[in-house]
Structure formats: C-alpha cells, structure tokens
Amino acid sequence: MHLKKLILTAMMVCCAFINAQTCCSGGIPLSNNIGMSIEEKGTFQLSVNYDYNNLNTLNNGTENLNDDSRLRITHSVLLNTSYAITNSLSIEALFTWVNQRRKITQFGNENLDQTSGIGDGLALLKYSFENLIGKNSDITLGLGAKIPFGSSTETNTQGITLNADLQPGSNAWDAIYFISASKNPSFRPTLTIATRLIYRGTGTNPSYFGDQTYKFGNELQAFLTFTDQFLAFKTLISPSISFKYRDADLDQIDGFDLDNTGGNWVFLIPNFSINIAPNLMFLTRAELPIYSNVDGTQLTPTYRLMSGLLLKLKPKEKLFNIKQ
C-alpha cells in the first residue's frame, strides 16, 4: 500500500515537472478578450472569434534554447456578449470552447496529449466616466469574475488525469479587475489612444489530482493601443497597433511555488477591422512576442492569430412621435 502511494506521488511530481517545462502561456485567452465598448442604453453586442495560439519556442529565462521538440497548440472559440444597461453601465460575458494539444518529439518517438470541451467563462460589470480627463475622453472601471464552467479532470488515452495546464477548466473562481482610458486628440478626432489594465487574482482548485490544491499565478496585463479610422470605397476600416505587457506569478501546488512557471512578456499586436455592414464588423489580429523572460525553462508563445465578427444591435427608434 505504501509502495503504491509512493509510485503515485512520483508520477504526479514527474507530470508536474513535464507540465512546467512544456507550457506556461497556453490555455484559453480569457483576460485577453474582454473590454467591449460601452454603447448607448439598450445596445446588445455579440462577438464570435476563433483564436489560434502556437507555442514552439523553448526558453530558459530570456535565452532561446533552439529546441523545437516541444509543441503546444490551443484552438479556442470565444463568444462575447455585452448589454448596455444605461449609457454608462454595461454587463459583459465571455463563453469559451477549447481544444488543447501538447506534442513532445524525442528520439524518434512522439507523445501527444489533448483535450477538448467547454472552457471557463467570465462575467464583467463596467461603468464609464465620459470626459473625466478632458473632451472626447473616457475612463471605464470594471469588476468581474472568472467562472469555472470547464472540466478539470480530463484524462489521457491511458486514463491518467492530465495536468492543470491541459484541462479545459480550472475548478477555481478568479477575481477580475479592469480599468481602461481612451482619448481622441483634437488634432485628429478619428485617432484613438487607449490603455487598458486587467488584473486577475486567481482562486485555488481544491481537488487537484483528487487530494491536492493547485493555483495558477496571479496575472497582470497592460495594453497601449493606437487606432485610426479611414474611409475606403465607402467602407470604414480601422487599423490599429497595440503593445501588450503580461506578468504572471508562479503557479502553486499545495501552497508551494512550482518552478518553471510564471514570467513576463511583451507583445506587438497589429489589428485590422472593417465594417462589412452598418452593424457588422470583421476583425483580425496577430500577437507577436518581442520579449520573453520566463521562470526556469518553459515553452513560450511563438505567435497567436485571431479572427472574428462583431454584431451591434442598437435599440429601435420610436416609430411614432406622440405629442402630448
């Protein structure tokens, strides 16, 4: 009996080590995809996006190890909805489906683990303060939660429960804090300069591998974005460029820091959107790492691509103007 427990413990330690060395930045991009604009009262927004995340860069700290034997790919389908309760107050929700794959190729052998299913969701309440920092400006504050809809007990083909980073869900509630600011300068009203900060205080999975606890590291993301608008062939197009900084603390098992997790990154994000109808927009963007500094040895993002559609349904105008 003691031997069985010892073997099981050794297997879990081994899995945790492999997990740490193969991925830190995979998973569903929840915090990366919130912050829909607050429109006039009664406006409903619906966005459907496909997100492809490729991790094939192995780093030790900031050093690229030039080893492509490990590959991590995440396919995500993201459904965002938002409703403007007032002109300043809105509620936003994010629902996800995810397919995650991790492949390790060594000495001619290939090991593939993958999971698919509904991922965790997110709800966010936001309030906007217009012209608080000058004309044509906006500051928005938000508070929300990540909701553990997804499974956290998926197994591989041998029936062994997979590590936390490959699970569709986390079995933990997270607190989400959101703040954004934007300004349209007077010298070019179509230009928008915006910044956004998102902090995720992660909760703890109390039943990791049945009798352990697991906590993903707290995360901070900061964005600086420049967006302009142009009219081409009677169609409105909006190119933008963003810089994103992400900082993630170390994960924890049973309250102890897990090596080879956490780090900080800087990304360049070119984005392009086009209005294909008055209330329908197509958008696409890429996320390219320009700096990575991970704790220990980890896979780090190589590139990320996203495309989707955004539908805005504004309140119907009154058909009749009844004079009193």
Protein backbone atom coordinates (compact mmCIF):
# COMPACT_ATOMS: atom_id res chain seq x y z
CA MET A 1 0.00 0.00 0.00
CA HIS A 2 2.80 2.40 0.92
CA LEU A 3 4.63 1.44 -2.28
CA LYS A 4 1.50 2.23 -4.34
CA LYS A 5 1.22 5.71 -2.76
CA LEU A 6 4.93 6.31 -3.35
CA ILE A 7 4.66 5.39 -7.03
CA LEU A 8 1.56 7.57 -7.48
CA THR A 9 3.28 10.55 -5.83
CA ALA A 10 6.35 10.10 -8.02
CA MET A 11 4.17 10.01 -11.14
CA MET A 12 2.42 13.27 -10.16
CA VAL A 13 5.73 15.01 -9.44
CA CYS A 14 7.02 13.81 -12.80
CA CYS A 15 3.89 15.08 -14.55
CA ALA A 16 4.16 18.46 -12.83
CA PHE A 17 7.78 18.77 -13.98
CA ILE A 18 6.92 17.87 -17.57
CA ASN A 19 3.97 20.28 -17.47
CA ALA A 20 6.17 23.13 -16.30
CA GLN A 21 8.76 22.53 -18.98
CA THR A 22 6.25 22.37 -21.83
CA CYS A 23 3.90 25.28 -21.25
CA CYS A 24 3.21 28.38 -19.26
CA SER A 25 1.25 30.55 -21.68
CA GLY A 26 -1.21 28.12 -23.21
CA GLY A 27 -4.83 27.85 -22.27
CA ILE A 28 -7.90 29.92 -23.06
CA PRO A 29 -7.23 33.63 -23.58
CA LEU A 30 -9.92 34.85 -21.18
CA SER A 31 -8.43 38.10 -19.87
CA ASN A 32 -7.05 38.83 -23.34
CA ASN A 33 -10.53 39.13 -24.85
CA ILE A 34 -12.61 41.33 -22.55
CA GLY A 35 -13.34 45.03 -22.73
CA MET A 36 -16.11 45.54 -25.31
CA SER A 37 -17.08 49.19 -25.76
CA ILE A 38 -19.96 50.66 -23.77
CA GLU A 39 -22.61 51.81 -26.25
CA GLU A 40 -25.87 53.72 -25.84
CA LYS A 41 -28.52 52.33 -23.49
CA GLY A 42 -30.19 49.19 -24.81
CA THR A 43 -27.42 48.21 -27.25
CA PHE A 44 -26.63 44.49 -27.44
CA GLN A 45 -23.28 43.29 -28.80
CA LEU A 46 -22.34 39.79 -29.89
CA SER A 47 -18.84 38.76 -30.95
CA VAL A 48 -17.71 35.34 -32.19
CA ASN A 49 -13.96 34.76 -32.53
CA TYR A 50 -11.53 31.97 -33.35
CA ASP A 51 -8.18 32.10 -31.57
CA TYR A 52 -5.11 30.05 -32.55
CA ASN A 53 -2.15 30.05 -30.14
CA ASN A 54 1.13 28.42 -31.21
CA LEU A 55 3.88 27.77 -28.66
CA ASN A 56 7.00 26.24 -30.17
CA THR A 57 9.72 28.39 -28.57
CA LEU A 58 11.63 26.90 -25.64
CA ASN A 59 13.21 29.47 -23.36
CA ASN A 60 15.38 29.44 -20.27
CA GLY A 61 14.81 32.90 -18.82
CA THR A 62 15.35 35.18 -21.83
CA GLU A 63 17.55 32.67 -23.71
CA ASN A 64 16.09 30.79 -26.68
CA LEU A 65 17.25 27.17 -26.43
CA ASN A 66 16.74 26.46 -30.16
CA ASP A 67 14.78 23.29 -29.36
CA ASP A 68 11.61 22.62 -31.36
CA SER A 69 10.89 19.14 -29.97
CA ARG A 70 8.00 20.51 -27.87
CA LEU A 71 4.87 21.96 -29.46
CA ARG A 72 1.77 23.34 -27.77
CA ILE A 73 -1.28 24.47 -29.77
CA THR A 74 -4.53 25.88 -28.42
CA HIS A 75 -7.64 26.33 -30.57
CA SER A 76 -10.32 28.45 -28.90
CA VAL A 77 -13.80 29.59 -29.92
CA LEU A 78 -14.84 32.68 -27.97
CA LEU A 79 -18.36 34.05 -27.63
CA ASN A 80 -18.54 37.58 -26.17
CA THR A 81 -21.80 39.32 -25.31
CA SER A 82 -22.47 42.75 -23.87
CA TYR A 83 -25.59 44.73 -22.95
CA ALA A 84 -25.72 48.44 -22.13
CA ILE A 85 -27.96 48.83 -19.08
CA THR A 86 -27.53 52.61 -19.24
CA ASN A 87 -25.36 54.91 -21.35
CA SER A 88 -22.60 54.40 -18.76
CA LEU A 89 -23.22 50.95 -17.28
CA SER A 90 -22.91 47.64 -19.10
CA ILE A 91 -22.54 43.95 -18.36
CA GLU A 92 -20.27 41.69 -20.39
CA ALA A 93 -19.98 37.90 -20.56
CA LEU A 94 -17.49 35.56 -22.23
CA PHE A 95 -18.09 31.88 -23.02
CA THR A 96 -15.47 29.53 -24.45
CA TRP A 97 -14.80 26.21 -26.14
CA VAL A 98 -11.23 24.96 -26.30
CA ASN A 99 -9.05 22.27 -27.86
CA GLN A 100 -5.54 21.97 -26.41
CA ARG A 101 -2.73 19.82 -27.77
CA ARG A 102 0.76 19.17 -26.44
CA LYS A 103 3.22 17.16 -28.53
CA ILE A 104 6.72 16.12 -27.46
CA THR A 105 9.03 14.53 -30.07
CA GLN A 106 12.23 12.90 -28.80
CA PHE A 107 14.48 10.17 -30.20
CA GLY A 108 12.01 9.39 -32.97
CA ASN A 109 9.11 8.93 -30.55
CA GLU A 110 6.08 11.21 -30.40
CA ASN A 111 3.88 11.78 -27.35
CA LEU A 112 0.59 13.62 -27.88
CA ASP A 113 -1.88 14.70 -25.20
CA GLN A 114 -5.00 16.69 -25.98
CA THR A 115 -8.33 17.74 -24.52
CA SER A 116 -11.46 19.40 -25.88
CA GLY A 117 -14.53 20.85 -24.27
CA ILE A 118 -16.31 23.83 -22.79
CA GLY A 119 -13.85 26.12 -21.04
CA ASP A 120 -14.27 28.55 -18.17
CA GLY A 121 -16.36 31.70 -18.63
CA LEU A 122 -16.23 35.26 -17.42
CA ALA A 123 -18.68 37.97 -16.31
CA LEU A 124 -17.76 41.65 -16.02
CA LEU A 125 -19.70 44.72 -14.88
CA LYS A 126 -18.33 48.04 -16.22
CA TYR A 127 -19.05 51.73 -15.60
CA SER A 128 -17.86 54.51 -17.89
CA PHE A 129 -16.95 58.10 -16.94
CA GLU A 130 -17.07 60.33 -20.02
CA ASN A 131 -14.86 63.40 -20.43
CA LEU A 132 -13.34 62.91 -16.99
CA ILE A 133 -9.85 63.66 -18.29
CA GLY A 134 -10.85 66.16 -20.95
CA LYS A 135 -13.02 66.42 -24.03
CA ASN A 136 -13.51 63.22 -26.06
CA SER A 137 -12.09 61.05 -23.29
CA ASP A 138 -13.35 58.06 -21.38
CA ILE A 139 -12.39 56.14 -18.25
CA THR A 140 -14.02 52.78 -17.57
CA LEU A 141 -13.84 50.73 -14.39
CA GLY A 142 -14.85 47.09 -14.24
CA LEU A 143 -15.21 44.27 -11.71
CA GLY A 144 -15.92 40.68 -12.55
CA ALA A 145 -15.24 37.00 -12.02
CA LYS A 146 -13.95 34.04 -13.96
CA ILE A 147 -16.48 31.23 -13.61
CA PRO A 148 -15.28 27.58 -13.60
CA PHE A 149 -17.59 26.03 -16.21
CA GLY A 150 -14.97 23.73 -17.73
CA SER A 151 -13.88 20.26 -16.68
CA SER A 152 -10.65 19.94 -14.69
CA THR A 153 -10.48 16.12 -14.55
CA GLU A 154 -9.89 15.11 -18.19
CA THR A 155 -7.63 12.07 -18.75
CA ASN A 156 -5.28 10.90 -21.49
CA THR A 157 -5.66 7.71 -23.54
CA GLN A 158 -4.13 5.71 -20.66
CA GLY A 159 -6.75 7.03 -18.22
CA ILE A 160 -4.26 9.24 -16.33
CA THR A 161 -5.58 12.65 -15.27
CA LEU A 162 -3.85 15.41 -17.24
CA ASN A 163 -2.07 18.36 -15.66
CA ALA A 164 -3.80 21.65 -14.90
CA ASP A 165 -2.47 23.47 -17.97
CA LEU A 166 -4.15 21.00 -20.36
CA GLN A 167 -7.57 20.99 -18.67
CA PRO A 168 -10.43 22.92 -20.32
CA GLY A 169 -11.33 24.37 -16.90
CA SER A 170 -9.58 25.32 -13.68
CA ASN A 171 -12.15 24.37 -11.00
CA ALA A 172 -11.49 27.78 -9.37
CA TRP A 173 -13.14 31.19 -9.25
CA ASP A 174 -10.93 34.18 -10.13
CA ALA A 175 -11.47 37.88 -9.38
CA ILE A 176 -11.13 40.22 -12.38
CA TYR A 177 -10.26 43.92 -12.02
CA PHE A 178 -10.49 46.12 -15.11
CA ILE A 179 -9.63 49.74 -15.91
CA SER A 180 -9.32 51.46 -19.27
CA ALA A 181 -8.81 55.01 -20.52
CA SER A 182 -9.09 56.47 -24.01
CA LYS A 183 -8.71 59.86 -25.65
CA ASN A 184 -9.38 61.29 -29.12
CA PRO A 185 -6.86 64.10 -29.68
CA SER A 186 -8.19 67.36 -31.11
CA PHE A 187 -5.62 67.42 -33.94
CA ARG A 188 -7.11 64.15 -35.33
CA PRO A 189 -10.56 63.21 -33.93
CA THR A 190 -10.54 59.81 -35.72
CA LEU A 191 -7.43 58.73 -33.82
CA THR A 192 -7.96 56.94 -30.50
CA ILE A 193 -5.19 56.49 -27.96
CA ALA A 194 -6.20 53.93 -25.35
CA THR A 195 -4.75 51.99 -22.45
CA ARG A 196 -6.17 49.04 -20.57
CA LEU A 197 -5.15 47.23 -17.37
CA ILE A 198 -6.54 43.83 -16.37
CA TYR A 199 -5.60 42.09 -13.13
CA ARG A 200 -6.68 38.52 -12.43
CA GLY A 201 -6.50 37.31 -8.84
CA THR A 202 -6.66 33.54 -9.24
CA GLY A 203 -8.52 31.14 -7.00
CA THR A 204 -7.49 27.65 -5.89
CA ASN A 205 -8.58 24.28 -7.23
CA PRO A 206 -9.19 22.31 -4.00
CA SER A 207 -9.23 18.85 -5.63
CA TYR A 208 -6.24 18.72 -7.97
CA PHE A 209 -5.43 15.03 -8.62
CA GLY A 210 -8.08 14.31 -6.01
CA ASP A 211 -6.27 15.37 -2.83
CA GLN A 212 -4.00 18.31 -3.76
CA THR A 213 -4.58 22.02 -4.38
CA TYR A 214 -3.49 23.95 -7.46
CA LYS A 215 -3.39 27.70 -8.01
CA PHE A 216 -2.42 29.41 -11.24
CA GLY A 217 -0.29 32.51 -10.72
CA ASN A 218 -1.95 35.92 -10.43
CA GLU A 219 -1.74 37.79 -13.72
CA LEU A 220 -1.44 41.41 -14.85
CA GLN A 221 -1.95 42.52 -18.46
CA ALA A 222 -1.39 46.08 -19.70
CA PHE A 223 -2.21 47.35 -23.21
CA LEU A 224 -1.34 50.54 -25.09
CA THR A 225 -3.28 50.92 -28.35
CA PHE A 226 -3.34 53.40 -31.23
CA THR A 227 -6.37 53.16 -33.54
CA ASP A 228 -7.36 55.26 -36.53
CA GLN A 229 -10.28 55.22 -38.96
CA PHE A 230 -10.29 55.66 -42.72
CA LEU A 231 -12.98 55.62 -45.41
CA ALA A 232 -12.08 53.46 -48.42
CA PHE A 233 -14.59 52.80 -51.21
CA LYS A 234 -17.39 53.96 -48.88
CA THR A 235 -16.29 51.39 -46.29
CA LEU A 236 -14.95 52.23 -42.85
CA ILE A 237 -11.69 50.48 -41.96
CA SER A 238 -9.90 50.71 -38.61
CA PRO A 239 -6.26 49.62 -38.39
CA SER A 240 -4.56 49.67 -35.02
CA ILE A 241 -1.33 48.73 -33.31
CA SER A 242 -1.05 47.58 -29.68
CA PHE A 243 1.71 46.84 -27.23
CA LYS A 244 0.89 44.32 -24.53
CA TYR A 245 2.78 43.57 -21.31
CA ARG A 246 1.90 40.41 -19.39
CA ASP A 247 3.23 39.40 -15.99
CA ALA A 248 2.31 36.06 -14.40
CA ASP A 249 3.29 34.87 -10.93
CA LEU A 250 4.44 31.31 -10.27
CA ASP A 251 1.79 28.61 -10.00
CA GLN A 252 1.41 26.83 -6.67
CA ILE A 253 0.77 23.22 -5.63
CA ASP A 254 -0.38 22.72 -2.03
CA GLY A 255 0.71 26.32 -1.32
CA PHE A 256 4.29 25.84 -2.60
CA ASP A 257 5.65 27.66 -5.65
CA LEU A 258 6.01 25.50 -8.75
CA ASP A 259 9.27 26.02 -10.62
CA ASN A 260 9.27 26.62 -14.38
CA THR A 261 6.01 28.60 -14.31
CA GLY A 262 5.37 32.33 -14.49
CA GLY A 263 7.28 35.10 -16.23
CA ASN A 264 6.78 38.32 -18.14
CA TRP A 265 6.31 39.07 -21.82
CA VAL A 266 5.94 41.97 -24.24
CA PHE A 267 3.89 41.53 -27.42
CA LEU A 268 3.27 43.56 -30.56
CA ILE A 269 -0.34 43.27 -31.80
CA PRO A 270 -1.28 44.56 -35.27
CA ASN A 271 -5.06 44.65 -35.70
CA PHE A 272 -7.34 45.34 -38.65
CA SER A 273 -11.13 45.70 -38.72
CA ILE A 274 -13.59 46.57 -41.47
CA ASN A 275 -17.29 47.40 -41.36
CA ILE A 276 -18.92 44.94 -43.77
CA ALA A 277 -22.38 46.28 -42.82
CA PRO A 278 -23.62 49.22 -40.70
CA ASN A 279 -23.89 46.99 -37.64
CA LEU A 280 -21.45 44.19 -38.52
CA MET A 281 -17.65 44.28 -38.32
CA PHE A 282 -14.96 41.79 -39.33
CA LEU A 283 -11.71 41.91 -37.38
CA THR A 284 -8.42 40.06 -37.39
CA ARG A 285 -5.19 40.40 -35.46
CA ALA A 286 -1.85 38.77 -34.74
CA GLU A 287 0.06 38.66 -31.46
CA LEU A 288 3.83 38.54 -31.85
CA PRO A 289 6.24 38.24 -28.90
CA ILE A 290 9.08 40.77 -28.86
CA TYR A 291 10.38 39.96 -25.35
CA SER A 292 10.06 36.88 -23.13
CA ASN A 293 11.54 36.28 -19.69
CA VAL A 294 10.24 33.09 -18.11
CA ASP A 295 10.98 31.45 -14.79
CA GLY A 296 13.22 28.44 -15.43
CA THR A 297 12.67 26.50 -18.67
CA GLN A 298 9.33 26.82 -20.45
CA LEU A 299 7.59 26.86 -23.78
CA THR A 300 6.70 30.43 -24.62
CA PRO A 301 4.42 31.86 -27.34
CA THR A 302 5.70 31.82 -30.92
CA TYR A 303 2.69 33.57 -32.44
CA ARG A 304 -1.06 33.95 -31.97
CA LEU A 305 -3.78 34.66 -34.56
CA MET A 306 -7.41 35.66 -34.07
CA SER A 307 -10.32 36.47 -36.40
CA GLY A 308 -13.98 37.11 -35.77
CA LEU A 309 -17.21 39.03 -36.29
CA LEU A 310 -18.79 41.71 -34.11
CA LEU A 311 -22.52 42.43 -34.32
CA LYS A 312 -24.07 45.52 -32.70
CA LEU A 313 -27.85 45.69 -32.27
CA LYS A 314 -28.86 49.18 -31.24
CA PRO A 315 -32.28 49.98 -29.72
CA LYS A 316 -35.04 50.56 -32.25
CA GLU A 317 -36.04 54.14 -32.83
CA LYS A 318 -39.60 55.09 -31.88
CA LEU A 319 -41.91 54.61 -34.81
CA PHE A 320 -44.33 57.25 -33.66
CA ASN A 321 -43.70 60.60 -32.05
CA ILE A 322 -46.80 61.19 -29.94
CA LYS A 323 -47.26 64.79 -28.97
CA GLN A 324 -48.74 65.47 -25.58
